[in-house]
Protein backbone atom coordinates (compact mmCIF):
# COMPACT_ATOMS: atom_id res chain seq x y z
CA MET A 1 0.00 0.00 0.00
CA VAL A 2 1.42 3.36 -1.07
CA THR A 3 1.11 6.09 1.58
CA ASN A 4 0.47 9.65 0.44
CA LEU A 5 2.47 12.03 2.63
CA LYS A 6 2.24 15.74 1.96
CA VAL A 7 5.96 16.46 1.76
CA MET A 8 8.04 19.13 0.07
CA PRO A 9 11.16 18.53 -2.03
CA ILE A 10 14.53 19.51 -0.58
CA SER A 11 14.68 22.42 -3.02
CA HIS A 12 11.69 23.97 -1.23
CA TRP A 13 13.70 24.70 1.92
CA LEU A 14 17.10 24.79 0.21
CA PRO A 15 16.54 26.69 -3.08
CA LYS A 16 20.25 27.15 -3.76
CA ILE A 17 20.90 23.39 -3.93
CA ASP A 18 22.33 22.22 -7.25
CA ASN A 19 23.78 18.87 -6.14
CA PRO A 20 22.56 16.05 -3.91
CA LEU A 21 22.09 17.16 -0.31
CA LEU A 22 25.27 16.83 1.73
CA ILE A 23 25.23 17.16 5.50
CA SER A 24 28.56 16.99 7.31
CA GLY A 25 30.18 17.78 10.60
CA PRO A 26 31.41 16.04 13.76
CA CYS A 27 29.66 13.13 15.37
CA SER A 28 29.78 15.25 18.54
CA LEU A 29 30.52 18.88 19.22
CA GLU A 30 33.31 18.82 21.79
CA SER A 31 34.42 22.44 22.13
CA GLU A 32 33.76 25.79 20.52
CA GLU A 33 37.11 25.67 18.74
CA GLN A 34 36.57 22.14 17.41
CA ALA A 35 33.09 23.06 16.18
CA LEU A 36 34.22 26.24 14.43
CA SER A 37 37.48 24.94 12.96
CA THR A 38 35.66 21.96 11.40
CA ALA A 39 32.91 24.22 10.08
CA ARG A 40 35.37 26.67 8.52
CA GLU A 41 37.00 23.89 6.51
CA LEU A 42 33.70 22.32 5.46
CA ALA A 43 32.30 25.69 4.35
CA LYS A 44 35.08 25.93 1.76
CA ASP A 45 33.46 23.04 -0.12
CA LYS A 46 30.31 24.33 -1.81
CA ARG A 47 28.93 20.79 -1.97
CA VAL A 48 28.26 20.95 1.80
CA PHE A 49 24.91 22.55 2.60
CA VAL A 50 24.24 21.67 6.25
CA TYR A 51 26.60 21.48 9.20
CA ARG A 52 25.76 18.72 11.67
CA GLY A 53 26.93 18.33 15.24
CA GLY A 54 25.60 16.09 18.00
CA ILE A 55 25.18 17.72 21.40
CA TRP A 56 22.96 15.15 23.14
CA LYS A 57 24.44 11.70 22.58
CA PRO A 58 22.29 8.78 23.75
CA ARG A 59 24.60 5.93 24.77
CA THR A 60 23.88 2.28 25.46
CA ARG A 61 25.59 2.44 28.85
CA PRO A 62 26.29 5.33 31.25
CA GLY A 63 29.80 6.61 31.74
CA MET A 64 30.53 7.19 28.07
CA PHE A 65 30.68 10.66 26.52
CA GLU A 66 27.06 11.76 26.20
CA GLY A 67 27.58 15.14 24.59
CA VAL A 68 28.18 18.68 25.78
CA GLY A 69 24.48 19.46 26.09
CA SER A 70 22.76 22.78 25.54
CA ILE A 71 25.98 24.83 25.32
CA GLY A 72 26.45 23.22 21.92
CA LEU A 73 23.48 25.20 20.63
CA GLU A 74 25.48 28.39 21.15
CA TRP A 75 28.33 26.92 19.09
CA LEU A 76 25.89 26.03 16.29
CA LYS A 77 24.75 29.67 16.30
CA LEU A 78 28.35 30.79 15.88
CA VAL A 79 28.87 28.30 13.04
CA LYS A 80 25.87 29.70 11.19
CA GLN A 81 26.89 33.31 11.77
CA GLU A 82 30.46 32.78 10.59
CA THR A 83 30.02 30.30 7.71
CA GLY A 84 26.43 30.78 6.54
CA LEU A 85 25.89 27.02 6.64
CA MET A 86 22.56 25.70 7.85
CA THR A 87 22.91 23.79 11.13
CA GLY A 88 21.45 20.56 12.42
CA THR A 89 21.49 18.22 15.41
CA GLU A 90 19.75 15.12 16.75
CA VAL A 91 16.81 15.48 19.13
CA ALA A 92 15.70 12.66 21.40
CA ASN A 93 12.82 14.19 23.33
CA ALA A 94 10.41 17.13 23.47
CA GLN A 95 12.77 19.25 25.62
CA HIS A 96 15.53 18.97 23.03
CA VAL A 97 13.12 20.15 20.35
CA GLU A 98 12.01 23.16 22.38
CA GLU A 99 15.61 24.21 22.98
CA CYS A 100 16.50 23.80 19.30
CA LEU A 101 13.51 25.87 18.20
CA LYS A 102 14.56 28.70 20.54
CA ALA A 103 18.15 28.50 19.27
CA GLY A 104 17.10 28.62 15.61
CA VAL A 105 18.55 25.24 14.61
CA ASP A 106 17.63 24.70 10.95
CA VAL A 107 17.49 20.91 10.81
CA MET A 108 16.60 18.38 13.49
CA TRP A 109 16.66 14.63 13.12
CA ILE A 110 15.22 11.81 15.17
CA GLY A 111 17.71 9.03 15.87
CA ALA A 112 17.24 5.32 15.28
CA ARG A 113 16.45 4.50 18.90
CA SER A 114 13.87 7.28 19.12
CA THR A 115 12.22 6.32 15.82
CA ALA A 116 11.57 2.90 17.34
CA SER A 117 9.33 4.52 20.01
CA PRO A 118 6.00 5.91 18.73
CA PHE A 119 5.55 7.64 22.09
CA VAL A 120 8.77 9.64 21.67
CA VAL A 121 7.96 10.51 18.06
CA GLN A 122 4.48 11.68 18.99
CA GLU A 123 5.84 13.90 21.78
CA ILE A 124 8.28 15.47 19.32
CA ALA A 125 5.51 15.92 16.72
CA ASP A 126 3.30 17.64 19.29
CA VAL A 127 6.02 20.21 20.08
CA LEU A 128 6.70 20.85 16.39
CA LYS A 129 3.04 21.25 15.48
CA GLY A 130 2.39 24.56 13.74
CA THR A 131 6.01 25.06 12.65
CA ASP A 132 7.63 24.59 9.24
CA GLN A 133 10.68 22.93 10.80
CA ILE A 134 12.90 20.70 8.69
CA ILE A 135 12.78 17.31 10.40
CA MET A 136 14.63 14.15 9.39
CA VAL A 137 13.88 10.64 10.57
CA LYS A 138 16.49 7.90 10.78
CA ASN A 139 15.37 4.33 10.27
CA PRO A 140 14.61 2.32 13.43
CA VAL A 141 17.34 -0.02 14.63
CA ASN A 142 15.43 -3.04 13.28
CA PRO A 143 14.38 -3.28 9.60
CA ASP A 144 10.71 -2.48 10.27
CA VAL A 145 9.63 -0.25 7.38
CA GLN A 146 6.15 0.25 8.86
CA LEU A 147 7.65 1.68 12.06
CA TRP A 148 9.71 4.06 9.93
CA VAL A 149 6.65 5.07 7.89
CA GLY A 150 4.63 5.48 11.08
CA ALA A 151 7.12 7.98 12.51
CA LEU A 152 6.97 10.04 9.31
CA GLU A 153 3.17 9.90 9.31
CA ARG A 154 2.98 11.18 12.88
CA LEU A 155 5.10 14.19 11.95
CA ASN A 156 3.15 14.79 8.75
CA GLN A 157 -0.15 14.67 10.62
CA ALA A 158 1.23 17.40 12.89
CA GLY A 159 1.54 19.60 9.79
CA LEU A 160 5.24 19.08 9.09
CA LYS A 161 5.99 18.91 5.37
CA ASN A 162 9.76 19.45 5.24
CA LEU A 163 10.50 15.81 5.92
CA VAL A 164 13.51 13.68 4.97
CA ALA A 165 14.27 10.04 5.77
CA ILE A 166 17.81 9.00 6.70
CA HIS A 167 19.04 5.49 6.02
CA ARG A 168 21.68 4.69 8.67
CA GLY A 169 21.56 0.90 8.57
CA PHE A 170 20.16 -1.71 10.93
CA THR A 171 21.43 -3.76 13.85
CA PRO A 172 23.32 -6.69 12.32
CA PHE A 173 22.20 -10.19 13.31
CA SER A 174 25.37 -11.89 12.04
CA GLU A 175 29.04 -11.10 11.45
CA SER A 176 29.47 -8.12 9.13
CA LYS A 177 32.28 -5.84 8.04
CA TYR A 178 29.93 -2.92 8.62
CA ARG A 179 28.85 -1.43 11.92
CA ASN A 180 25.22 -1.58 10.81
CA PHE A 181 23.74 -3.79 8.10
CA PRO A 182 22.71 -1.69 5.05
CA ASN A 183 19.70 -3.86 4.10
CA TRP A 184 19.05 -1.78 0.99
CA LYS A 185 15.80 -3.61 0.26
CA THR A 186 14.14 -1.88 3.23
CA VAL A 187 15.12 1.52 1.84
CA ILE A 188 13.82 0.56 -1.59
CA GLU A 189 10.54 -0.51 0.03
CA LEU A 190 10.31 2.86 1.80
CA ARG A 191 10.72 4.60 -1.57
CA ARG A 192 7.98 2.42 -3.04
CA LEU A 193 5.63 3.27 -0.19
CA LEU A 194 6.55 6.98 -0.07
CA PRO A 195 7.68 7.88 -3.62
CA ASN A 196 7.70 11.65 -2.97
CA LEU A 197 9.75 11.49 0.22
CA PRO A 198 13.40 12.62 0.01
CA ILE A 199 15.75 9.92 1.35
CA ILE A 200 19.41 10.40 2.18
CA CYS A 201 22.05 7.95 3.39
CA ASP A 202 24.26 8.06 6.48
CA PRO A 203 27.33 6.07 5.36
CA SER A 204 29.17 6.89 8.59
CA HIS A 205 26.83 4.88 10.81
CA ILE A 206 26.42 2.08 8.29
CA SER A 207 30.15 1.61 7.78
CA GLY A 208 31.53 2.29 11.25
CA LYS A 209 34.92 2.67 9.54
CA ARG A 210 36.08 5.44 7.25
CA GLU A 211 37.50 3.03 4.66
CA TYR A 212 33.97 1.92 3.71
CA LEU A 213 32.48 5.41 3.31
CA PHE A 214 33.03 5.62 -0.43
CA GLU A 215 31.48 2.27 -1.33
CA ILE A 216 28.39 2.91 0.80
CA SER A 217 28.01 6.45 -0.58
CA GLN A 218 28.29 5.24 -4.17
CA LYS A 219 25.72 2.52 -3.55
CA ALA A 220 23.34 5.18 -2.19
CA PHE A 221 23.65 7.18 -5.41
CA ASP A 222 23.39 4.04 -7.53
CA ILE A 223 19.91 3.32 -6.14
CA GLY A 224 18.83 6.95 -6.46
CA LEU A 225 19.00 8.36 -2.94
CA ASP A 226 18.92 12.14 -2.59
CA GLY A 227 22.01 12.87 -0.55
CA LEU A 228 24.45 11.92 2.20
CA MET A 229 25.17 12.64 5.85
CA ILE A 230 28.88 12.01 6.45
CA GLU A 231 30.64 12.75 9.72
CA SER A 232 33.69 15.01 9.50
CA HIS A 233 36.00 16.13 12.31
CA ILE A 234 38.96 18.48 12.18
CA ASP A 235 41.05 15.75 13.89
CA PRO A 236 39.23 12.39 14.01
CA SER A 237 42.04 10.74 15.99
CA CYS A 238 41.09 12.92 18.97
CA ALA A 239 37.30 12.58 18.63
CA LEU A 240 35.42 11.76 21.81
CA SER A 241 32.91 9.58 19.98
CA ASP A 242 32.96 7.35 16.87
CA LYS A 243 36.44 8.43 15.80
CA ASP A 244 36.90 5.46 13.43
CA GLN A 245 34.04 6.51 11.14
CA GLN A 246 34.91 10.20 10.87
CA VAL A 247 37.10 11.87 8.24
CA THR A 248 38.75 15.25 7.99
CA PRO A 249 37.15 17.85 5.68
CA ALA A 250 40.01 17.28 3.22
CA GLU A 251 39.38 13.52 3.20
CA LEU A 252 35.68 14.15 2.72
CA ALA A 253 36.42 16.24 -0.38
CA LYS A 254 38.44 13.36 -1.87
CA ILE A 255 35.54 10.96 -1.33
CA LEU A 256 33.11 13.39 -2.96
CA ASP A 257 35.44 13.88 -5.93
CA LYS A 258 35.35 10.15 -6.69
CA LEU A 259 31.59 9.69 -6.40
CA VAL A 260 29.49 9.29 -9.54
CA ILE A 261 26.13 10.99 -9.06
CA ARG A 262 23.29 9.24 -10.83
CA TYR A 263 19.92 10.68 -11.80
CA ALA A 264 16.41 9.27 -12.10
CA SER A 265 16.27 9.97 -15.84
CA SER A 266 18.21 11.28 -18.83
CA GLU A 267 17.43 14.14 -21.20
CA ASP A 268 18.76 12.07 -24.13
CA PRO A 269 15.70 10.73 -26.05
CA GLN A 270 17.77 7.89 -27.50
CA PHE A 271 18.53 6.73 -23.97
CA GLU A 272 14.83 6.69 -23.07
CA ASN A 273 13.90 4.83 -26.27
CA LYS A 274 16.58 2.19 -25.71
CA LEU A 275 15.63 1.87 -22.05
CA GLU A 276 11.98 1.29 -22.92
CA LEU A 277 12.96 -1.34 -25.47
CA LEU A 278 15.05 -3.23 -22.91
CA ARG A 279 12.34 -2.90 -20.26
CA GLY A 280 9.84 -4.32 -22.72
CA ARG A 281 12.05 -7.37 -23.16
CA ILE A 282 12.27 -7.77 -19.38
CA ASP A 283 8.48 -7.56 -19.09
CA GLY A 284 8.11 -10.31 -21.69
CA ILE A 285 10.63 -12.54 -19.91
CA ASP A 286 8.91 -11.91 -16.56
CA HIS A 287 5.59 -13.02 -18.02
CA GLU A 288 7.25 -16.19 -19.29
CA ILE A 289 8.79 -16.81 -15.84
CA MET A 290 5.39 -16.47 -14.19
CA GLU A 291 3.79 -18.83 -16.69
CA VAL A 292 6.52 -21.41 -16.04
CA LEU A 293 6.07 -20.95 -12.25
CA ALA A 294 2.34 -21.58 -12.68
CA GLN A 295 3.13 -24.80 -14.55
CA ARG A 296 5.58 -25.81 -11.81
CA MET A 297 3.00 -25.21 -9.08
CA GLY A 298 0.50 -27.29 -11.01
CA ILE A 299 2.92 -30.22 -10.86
CA VAL A 300 3.58 -29.48 -7.16
CA LYS A 301 -0.14 -29.91 -6.46
CA GLN A 302 -0.17 -33.21 -8.34
CA ILE A 303 2.76 -34.41 -6.22
CA GLY A 304 0.95 -33.25 -3.08
CA GLN A 305 -2.12 -35.26 -3.98
CA TYR A 306 0.00 -38.32 -4.75
CA LYS A 307 1.83 -37.98 -1.41
CA LYS A 308 -1.49 -37.65 0.41
CA GLU A 309 -2.85 -40.84 -1.14
CA ASN A 310 0.31 -42.70 -0.10
CA LYS A 311 0.60 -41.10 3.37
CA VAL A 312 3.96 -39.47 2.63
CA THR A 313 5.10 -36.20 4.26
CA ALA A 314 5.05 -32.94 2.30
CA LEU A 315 8.64 -32.11 3.25
CA GLN A 316 11.30 -34.43 1.86
CA ILE A 317 14.71 -33.32 3.16
CA ASN A 318 16.77 -35.47 0.81
CA ARG A 319 14.88 -34.16 -2.21
CA TRP A 320 15.34 -30.58 -0.98
CA ALA A 321 19.10 -31.07 -0.60
CA GLN A 322 19.25 -32.57 -4.09
CA ILE A 323 17.37 -29.59 -5.56
CA MET A 324 19.71 -27.06 -3.93
CA GLU A 325 22.84 -28.89 -5.02
CA ASP A 326 21.61 -29.22 -8.60
CA ARG A 327 20.41 -25.59 -8.88
CA SER A 328 23.67 -24.34 -7.40
CA ARG A 329 25.69 -26.17 -10.05
CA LEU A 330 23.44 -24.83 -12.79
CA ALA A 331 23.77 -21.30 -11.40
CA GLU A 332 27.54 -21.53 -11.72
CA LYS A 333 27.27 -22.69 -15.34
CA LEU A 334 24.88 -19.85 -16.18
CA ASP A 335 27.03 -17.25 -14.36
CA LEU A 336 24.24 -16.50 -11.87
CA ASP A 337 24.88 -15.43 -8.29
CA ASP A 338 24.75 -18.54 -6.12
CA ALA A 339 23.28 -16.77 -3.07
CA PHE A 340 20.52 -15.27 -5.20
CA VAL A 341 19.58 -18.62 -6.76
CA LYS A 342 19.54 -20.33 -3.36
CA ALA A 343 17.33 -17.61 -1.90
CA LEU A 344 14.99 -17.81 -4.90
CA PHE A 345 14.56 -21.58 -4.70
CA GLN A 346 14.20 -21.38 -0.92
CA LEU A 347 11.09 -19.25 -1.47
CA ILE A 348 9.79 -21.53 -4.23
CA HIS A 349 10.34 -24.65 -2.12
CA GLU A 350 8.70 -23.14 0.98
CA ASP A 351 5.61 -22.30 -1.05
CA SER A 352 5.61 -25.77 -2.63
CA VAL A 353 5.64 -27.39 0.82
CA ARG A 354 2.89 -25.03 1.96
CA GLN A 355 0.65 -25.95 -0.97
CA GLN A 356 1.24 -29.69 -0.50
CA SER A 357 0.47 -29.37 3.21
CA GLU A 358 -2.82 -27.63 2.43
CA ILE A 359 -3.76 -30.47 0.05
CA MET A 360 -3.03 -33.01 2.79
CA ASP A 361 -5.22 -31.09 5.28
CA GLN A 362 -8.22 -31.22 2.96
CA ASP A 363 -10.88 -33.84 3.68
């Protein structure tokens, strides 16, 4: 089901933008000098539009650096006055929002932990009601797209239209080279549900390490996201939080120089004509695939009936292992991704077992 949010494009609140939205700045503001020196360097790069800096830092356990607090709002004011950059910070409760509104913070975002709590989001929405504040919503820690959509809906129902989603990855459930699992399919599903909603990527929190920032950023542009939030610190080695995922402004510029920005369409009519031709061929092949699947399921039902008559179980482990081994070998011959083929036949087999089980349950 597609949800119709009344949202404005980024160009509505940032008319001067001529590139994808780039938000950058330290994970945490640590001192006035650190905040200003980082901002001065970032402001030299005209691709940076918003300066970010965390001042309230929710931590899993007490005793870690939890931000400088409200004094950081004064430093954000100085950044804006000196550099002209818009400023932004994370808010985790209604009090944070009230303080940011009084301080004139341009952009606020709701963090992953807060997005997971409808109560917190509603409290924030209630405070923001009647304003035209720019508010961004990070995905919840678990890949629950409906929870993400729900947070955006609560804000929209409060009258907020300058909304942006931030993809910062999800808690990994297995070993991963990244700090947070990208799970791009959840982001693609969000775009399907909310096609008019701007979505940007936070490669810093996905990667957890600066060496992966480029590949995550490029992937974000490859699937058509609208911008990036990348953490930058004047001296990451001395950062009080998340130092491994931050880069200097100079390093950030090098990453941006290498990125290939992709667009939703091309002005070249020959490109569009060729694309439509190729898409037409894909549509035809997809129809053939579905017809073959229908034939396969017809045979599955025959097998189910035969098993029922002979009192044989729907699930046959040895047959399943044989199928996977055979399809894996064929995938290699056809130069298909083995993981993809296994996942595909896992779905097909699960549905086959389901249909046979239903036949066996019939009187």
